[in-house]
């Protein structure tokens, strides 16, 4: 049974390989979209929170 599966898998691979070569030839690079004001605000809030967390960790470690 496994020999039949192997033979069918090989046959399928040989038959599908040429179709993969005929796929779309050109590649169009995705154009990045600008960030919205909301996304920039959340990034700023996360950055400030991260810096405050780093300061808190520094204070806790320094006291040891």
PDB file of N, CA and C in Angstrom:
ATOM      1  N   UNK A   1       0.823  -1.196   0.000  1.00  0.00           N
ATOM      2  CA  UNK A   1       0.000   0.000   0.000  1.00  0.00           C
ATOM      3  C   UNK A   1       0.867   1.262   0.000  1.00  0.00           C
ATOM      4  N   UNK A   2       1.975   1.216   0.760  1.00  0.00           N
ATOM      5  CA  UNK A   2       2.822   2.400   0.813  1.00  0.00           C
ATOM      6  C   UNK A   2       3.551   2.620  -0.506  1.00  0.00           C
ATOM      7  N   UNK A   3       3.815   1.533  -1.243  1.00  0.00           N
ATOM      8  CA  UNK A   3       4.456   1.690  -2.558  1.00  0.00           C
ATOM      9  C   UNK A   3       3.517   2.379  -3.530  1.00  0.00           C
ATOM     10  N   UNK A   4       2.242   2.081  -3.422  1.00  0.00           N
ATOM     11  CA  UNK A   4       1.264   2.728  -4.301  1.00  0.00           C
ATOM     12  C   UNK A   4       1.185   4.211  -3.963  1.00  0.00           C
ATOM     13  N   UNK A   5       1.164   4.530  -2.670  1.00  0.00           N
ATOM     14  CA  UNK A   5       1.127   5.940  -2.263  1.00  0.00           C
ATOM     15  C   UNK A   5       2.370   6.677  -2.734  1.00  0.00           C
ATOM     16  N   UNK A   6       3.514   6.040  -2.613  1.00  0.00           N
ATOM     17  CA  UNK A   6       4.762   6.661  -3.052  1.00  0.00           C
ATOM     18  C   UNK A   6       4.742   6.897  -4.551  1.00  0.00           C
ATOM     19  N   UNK A   7       4.243   5.908  -5.301  1.00  0.00           N
ATOM     20  CA  UNK A   7       4.175   6.044  -6.761  1.00  0.00           C
ATOM     21  C   UNK A   7       3.193   7.146  -7.147  1.00  0.00           C
ATOM     22  N   UNK A   8       2.056   7.207  -6.458  1.00  0.00           N
ATOM     23  CA  UNK A   8       1.081   8.258  -6.760  1.00  0.00           C
ATOM     24  C   UNK A   8       1.620   9.640  -6.388  1.00  0.00           C
ATOM     25  N   UNK A   9       2.337   9.723  -5.290  1.00  0.00           N
ATOM     26  CA  UNK A   9       2.925  11.006  -4.892  1.00  0.00           C
ATOM     27  C   UNK A   9       3.971  11.450  -5.902  1.00  0.00           C
ATOM     28  N   UNK A  10       4.790  10.505  -6.380  1.00  0.00           N
ATOM     29  CA  UNK A  10       5.802  10.846  -7.389  1.00  0.00           C
ATOM     30  C   UNK A  10       5.138  11.266  -8.689  1.00  0.00           C
ATOM     31  N   UNK A  11       4.078  10.564  -9.074  1.00  0.00           N
ATOM     32  CA  UNK A  11       3.360  10.914 -10.306  1.00  0.00           C
ATOM     33  C   UNK A  11       2.730  12.294 -10.188  1.00  0.00           C
ATOM     34  N   UNK A  12       2.114  12.557  -9.058  1.00  0.00           N
ATOM     35  CA  UNK A  12       1.509  13.865  -8.841  1.00  0.00           C
ATOM     36  C   UNK A  12       2.554  14.970  -8.884  1.00  0.00           C
ATOM     37  N   UNK A  13       3.713  14.731  -8.272  1.00  0.00           N
ATOM     38  CA  UNK A  13       4.783  15.718  -8.273  1.00  0.00           C
ATOM     39  C   UNK A  13       5.292  15.977  -9.680  1.00  0.00           C
ATOM     40  N   UNK A  14       5.463  14.899 -10.455  1.00  0.00           N
ATOM     41  CA  UNK A  14       5.958  15.080 -11.827  1.00  0.00           C
ATOM     42  C   UNK A  14       4.952  15.812 -12.692  1.00  0.00           C
ATOM     43  N   UNK A  15       3.668  15.597 -12.451  1.00  0.00           N
ATOM     44  CA  UNK A  15       2.649  16.258 -13.258  1.00  0.00           C
ATOM     45  C   UNK A  15       2.415  17.703 -12.823  1.00  0.00           C
ATOM     46  N   UNK A  16       2.617  17.998 -11.540  1.00  0.00           N
ATOM     47  CA  UNK A  16       2.337  19.351 -11.073  1.00  0.00           C
ATOM     48  C   UNK A  16       3.552  20.269 -11.179  1.00  0.00           C
ATOM     49  N   UNK A  17       4.746  19.729 -11.315  1.00  0.00           N
ATOM     50  CA  UNK A  17       5.944  20.561 -11.394  1.00  0.00           C
ATOM     51  C   UNK A  17       5.928  21.512 -12.596  1.00  0.00           C
ATOM     52  N   UNK A  18       5.537  21.062 -13.787  1.00  0.00           N
ATOM     53  CA  UNK A  18       5.512  22.016 -14.904  1.00  0.00           C
ATOM     54  C   UNK A  18       4.508  23.141 -14.693  1.00  0.00           C
ATOM     55  N   UNK A  19       3.403  22.876 -14.023  1.00  0.00           N
ATOM     56  CA  UNK A  19       2.422  23.939 -13.792  1.00  0.00           C
ATOM     57  C   UNK A  19       2.977  24.981 -12.833  1.00  0.00           C
ATOM     58  N   UNK A  20       3.851  24.569 -11.908  1.00  0.00           N
ATOM     59  CA  UNK A  20       4.471  25.541 -11.018  1.00  0.00           C
ATOM     60  C   UNK A  20       5.419  26.452 -11.783  1.00  0.00           C
ATOM     61  N   UNK A  21       6.070  25.906 -12.801  1.00  0.00           N
ATOM     62  CA  UNK A  21       6.992  26.714 -13.597  1.00  0.00           C
ATOM     63  C   UNK A  21       6.240  27.726 -14.456  1.00  0.00           C
ATOM     64  N   UNK A  22       4.988  27.445 -14.757  1.00  0.00           N
ATOM     65  CA  UNK A  22       4.193  28.351 -15.579  1.00  0.00           C
ATOM     66  C   UNK A  22       3.424  29.375 -14.747  1.00  0.00           C
ATOM     67  N   UNK A  23       3.720  29.450 -13.486  1.00  0.00           N
ATOM     68  CA  UNK A  23       3.046  30.406 -12.611  1.00  0.00           C
ATOM     69  C   UNK A  23       3.415  31.824 -13.026  1.00  0.00           C
ATOM     70  N   UNK A  24       2.822  32.773 -12.357  1.00  0.00           N
ATOM     71  CA  UNK A  24       3.042  34.179 -12.706  1.00  0.00           C
ATOM     72  C   UNK A  24       4.537  34.505 -12.646  1.00  0.00           C
ATOM     73  N   UNK A  25       5.054  35.050 -13.713  1.00  0.00           N
ATOM     74  CA  UNK A  25       6.486  35.320 -13.811  1.00  0.00           C
ATOM     75  C   UNK A  25       6.884  36.590 -13.072  1.00  0.00           C
ATOM     76  N   UNK A  26       6.090  37.610 -13.173  1.00  0.00           N
ATOM     77  CA  UNK A  26       6.452  38.878 -12.547  1.00  0.00           C
ATOM     78  C   UNK A  26       6.097  38.912 -11.078  1.00  0.00           C
ATOM     79  N   UNK A  27       6.857  39.666 -10.334  1.00  0.00           N
ATOM     80  CA  UNK A  27       6.575  39.846  -8.916  1.00  0.00           C
ATOM     81  C   UNK A  27       6.429  41.325  -8.659  1.00  0.00           C
ATOM     82  N   UNK A  28       5.281  41.711  -8.154  1.00  0.00           N
ATOM     83  CA  UNK A  28       5.068  43.117  -7.821  1.00  0.00           C
ATOM     84  C   UNK A  28       5.271  43.280  -6.325  1.00  0.00           C
ATOM     85  N   UNK A  29       6.180  44.168  -5.971  1.00  0.00           N
ATOM     86  CA  UNK A  29       6.482  44.390  -4.561  1.00  0.00           C
ATOM     87  C   UNK A  29       5.304  45.079  -3.891  1.00  0.00           C
ATOM     88  N   UNK A  30       4.995  44.690  -2.665  1.00  0.00           N
ATOM     89  CA  UNK A  30       3.910  45.366  -1.948  1.00  0.00           C
ATOM     90  C   UNK A  30       4.309  46.792  -1.582  1.00  0.00           C
ATOM     91  N   UNK A  31       3.376  47.685  -1.694  1.00  0.00           N
ATOM     92  CA  UNK A  31       3.630  49.086  -1.374  1.00  0.00           C
ATOM     93  C   UNK A  31       3.236  49.311   0.087  1.00  0.00           C
ATOM     94  N   UNK A  32       4.175  49.745   0.924  1.00  0.00           N
ATOM     95  CA  UNK A  32       3.828  49.956   2.330  1.00  0.00           C
ATOM     96  C   UNK A  32       2.850  51.122   2.485  1.00  0.00           C
ATOM     97  N   UNK A  33       1.891  50.930   3.361  1.00  0.00           N
ATOM     98  CA  UNK A  33       0.895  51.967   3.612  1.00  0.00           C
ATOM     99  C   UNK A  33       1.392  52.867   4.740  1.00  0.00           C
ATOM    100  N   UNK A  34       1.062  54.153   4.688  1.00  0.00           N
ATOM    101  CA  UNK A  34       1.483  55.044   5.772  1.00  0.00           C
ATOM    102  C   UNK A  34       0.737  54.708   7.059  1.00  0.00           C
ATOM    103  N   UNK A  35       1.381  55.009   8.195  1.00  0.00           N
ATOM    104  CA  UNK A  35       0.739  54.761   9.481  1.00  0.00           C
ATOM    105  C   UNK A  35      -0.316  55.818   9.751  1.00  0.00           C
ATOM    106  N   UNK A  36      -1.355  55.387  10.403  1.00  0.00           N
ATOM    107  CA  UNK A  36      -2.404  56.338  10.774  1.00  0.00           C
ATOM    108  C   UNK A  36      -1.986  57.066  12.055  1.00  0.00           C
ATOM    109  N   UNK A  37      -2.691  58.136  12.358  1.00  0.00           N
ATOM    110  CA  UNK A  37      -2.391  58.895  13.574  1.00  0.00           C
ATOM    111  C   UNK A  37      -2.673  58.050  14.815  1.00  0.00           C
ATOM    112  N   UNK A  38      -3.684  57.201  14.741  1.00  0.00           N
ATOM    113  CA  UNK A  38      -3.999  56.329  15.873  1.00  0.00           C
ATOM    114  C   UNK A  38      -2.869  55.341  16.128  1.00  0.00           C
ATOM    115  N   UNK A  39      -2.333  54.769  15.061  1.00  0.00           N
ATOM    116  CA  UNK A  39      -1.228  53.817  15.223  1.00  0.00           C
ATOM    117  C   UNK A  39      -0.004  54.502  15.798  1.00  0.00           C
ATOM    118  N   UNK A  40       0.267  55.727  15.371  1.00  0.00           N
ATOM    119  CA  UNK A  40       1.411  56.457  15.913  1.00  0.00           C
ATOM    120  C   UNK A  40       1.206  56.776  17.387  1.00  0.00           C
ATOM    121  N   UNK A  41      -0.030  57.123  17.785  1.00  0.00           N
ATOM    122  CA  UNK A  41      -0.307  57.410  19.183  1.00  0.00           C
ATOM    123  C   UNK A  41      -0.104  56.167  20.036  1.00  0.00           C
ATOM    124  N   UNK A  42      -0.595  55.007  19.585  1.00  0.00           N
ATOM    125  CA  UNK A  42      -0.425  53.771  20.348  1.00  0.00           C
ATOM    126  C   UNK A  42       1.046  53.372  20.441  1.00  0.00           C
ATOM    127  N   UNK A  43       1.791  53.612  19.379  1.00  0.00           N
ATOM    128  CA  UNK A  43       3.230  53.318  19.425  1.00  0.00           C
ATOM    129  C   UNK A  43       3.917  54.217  20.453  1.00  0.00           C
ATOM    130  N   UNK A  44       3.540  55.489  20.485  1.00  0.00           N
ATOM    131  CA  UNK A  44       4.101  56.409  21.471  1.00  0.00           C
ATOM    132  C   UNK A  44       3.749  55.962  22.889  1.00  0.00           C
ATOM    133  N   UNK A  45       2.491  55.581  23.108  1.00  0.00           N
ATOM    134  CA  UNK A  45       2.052  55.132  24.436  1.00  0.00           C
ATOM    135  C   UNK A  45       2.809  53.869  24.852  1.00  0.00           C
ATOM    136  N   UNK A  46       3.000  52.947  23.943  1.00  0.00           N
ATOM    137  CA  UNK A  46       3.739  51.722  24.251  1.00  0.00           C
ATOM    138  C   UNK A  46       5.204  52.032  24.544  1.00  0.00           C
ATOM    139  N   UNK A  47       5.784  52.970  23.810  1.00  0.00           N
ATOM    140  CA  UNK A  47       7.182  53.338  24.042  1.00  0.00           C
ATOM    141  C   UNK A  47       7.365  53.964  25.423  1.00  0.00           C
ATOM    142  N   UNK A  48       6.471  54.849  25.794  1.00  0.00           N
ATOM    143  CA  UNK A  48       6.556  55.482  27.110  1.00  0.00           C
ATOM    144  C   UNK A  48       6.374  54.431  28.204  1.00  0.00           C
ATOM    145  N   UNK A  49       5.422  53.524  28.022  1.00  0.00           N
ATOM    146  CA  UNK A  49       5.205  52.456  29.006  1.00  0.00           C
ATOM    147  C   UNK A  49       6.436  51.573  29.136  1.00  0.00           C
ATOM    148  N   UNK A  50       7.069  51.279  28.025  1.00  0.00           N
ATOM    149  CA  UNK A  50       8.268  50.442  28.048  1.00  0.00           C
ATOM    150  C   UNK A  50       9.402  51.133  28.799  1.00  0.00           C
ATOM    151  N   UNK A  51       9.592  52.409  28.557  1.00  0.00           N
ATOM    152  CA  UNK A  51      10.653  53.151  29.246  1.00  0.00           C
ATOM    153  C   UNK A  51      10.359  53.215  30.748  1.00  0.00           C
ATOM    154  N   UNK A  52       9.107  53.432  31.118  1.00  0.00           N
ATOM    155  CA  UNK A  52       8.753  53.451  32.540  1.00  0.00           C
ATOM    156  C   UNK A  52       8.984  52.089  33.188  1.00  0.00           C
ATOM    157  N   UNK A  53       8.694  51.018  32.478  1.00  0.00           N
ATOM    158  CA  UNK A  53       8.950  49.680  33.007  1.00  0.00           C
ATOM    159  C   UNK A  53      10.447  49.446  33.181  1.00  0.00           C
ATOM    160  N   UNK A  54      11.254  49.911  32.236  1.00  0.00           N
ATOM    161  CA  UNK A  54      12.700  49.776  32.367  1.00  0.00           C
ATOM    162  C   UNK A  54      13.227  50.555  33.577  1.00  0.00           C
ATOM    163  N   UNK A  55      12.689  51.743  33.800  1.00  0.00           N
ATOM    164  CA  UNK A  55      13.104  52.539  34.956  1.00  0.00           C
ATOM    165  C   UNK A  55      12.710  51.819  36.246  1.00  0.00           C
ATOM    166  N   UNK A  56      11.511  51.257  36.290  1.00  0.00           N
ATOM    167  CA  UNK A  56      11.063  50.533  37.483  1.00  0.00           C
ATOM    168  C   UNK A  56      11.961  49.324  37.753  1.00  0.00           C
ATOM    169  N   UNK A  57      12.315  48.596  36.739  1.00  0.00           N
ATOM    170  CA  UNK A  57      13.208  47.452  36.923  1.00  0.00           C
ATOM    171  C   UNK A  57      14.574  47.921  37.394  1.00  0.00           C
ATOM    172  N   UNK A  58      15.066  49.011  36.841  1.00  0.00           N
ATOM    173  CA  UNK A  58      16.360  49.553  37.264  1.00  0.00           C
ATOM    174  C   UNK A  58      16.341  49.911  38.749  1.00  0.00           C
ATOM    175  N   UNK A  59      15.273  50.563  39.192  1.00  0.00           N
ATOM    176  CA  UNK A  59      15.174  50.943  40.596  1.00  0.00           C
ATOM    177  C   UNK A  59      15.092  49.716  41.497  1.00  0.00           C
ATOM    178  N   UNK A  60      14.374  48.703  41.078  1.00  0.00           N
ATOM    179  CA  UNK A  60      14.267  47.496  41.903  1.00  0.00           C
ATOM    180  C   UNK A  60      15.596  46.746  41.982  1.00  0.00           C
ATOM    181  N   UNK A  61      16.308  46.674  40.892  1.00  0.00           N
ATOM    182  CA  UNK A  61      17.556  45.937  40.878  1.00  0.00           C
ATOM    183  C   UNK A  61      18.655  46.725  41.600  1.00  0.00           C
ATOM    184  N   UNK A  62      18.625  48.022  41.496  1.00  0.00           N
ATOM    185  CA  UNK A  62      19.655  48.862  42.108  1.00  0.00           C
ATOM    186  C   UNK A  62      19.610  48.773  43.628  1.00  0.00           C
ATOM    187  N   UNK A  63      18.451  48.572  44.202  1.00  0.00           N
ATOM    188  CA  UNK A  63      18.321  48.537  45.664  1.00  0.00           C
ATOM    189  C   UNK A  63      18.875  47.265  46.262  1.00  0.00           C
ATOM    190  N   UNK A  64      19.061  46.234  45.508  1.00  0.00           N
ATOM    191  CA  UNK A  64      19.567  44.971  46.049  1.00  0.00           C
ATOM    192  C   UNK A  64      20.958  45.113  46.423  1.00  0.00           C
TER     193      UNK A  64
END
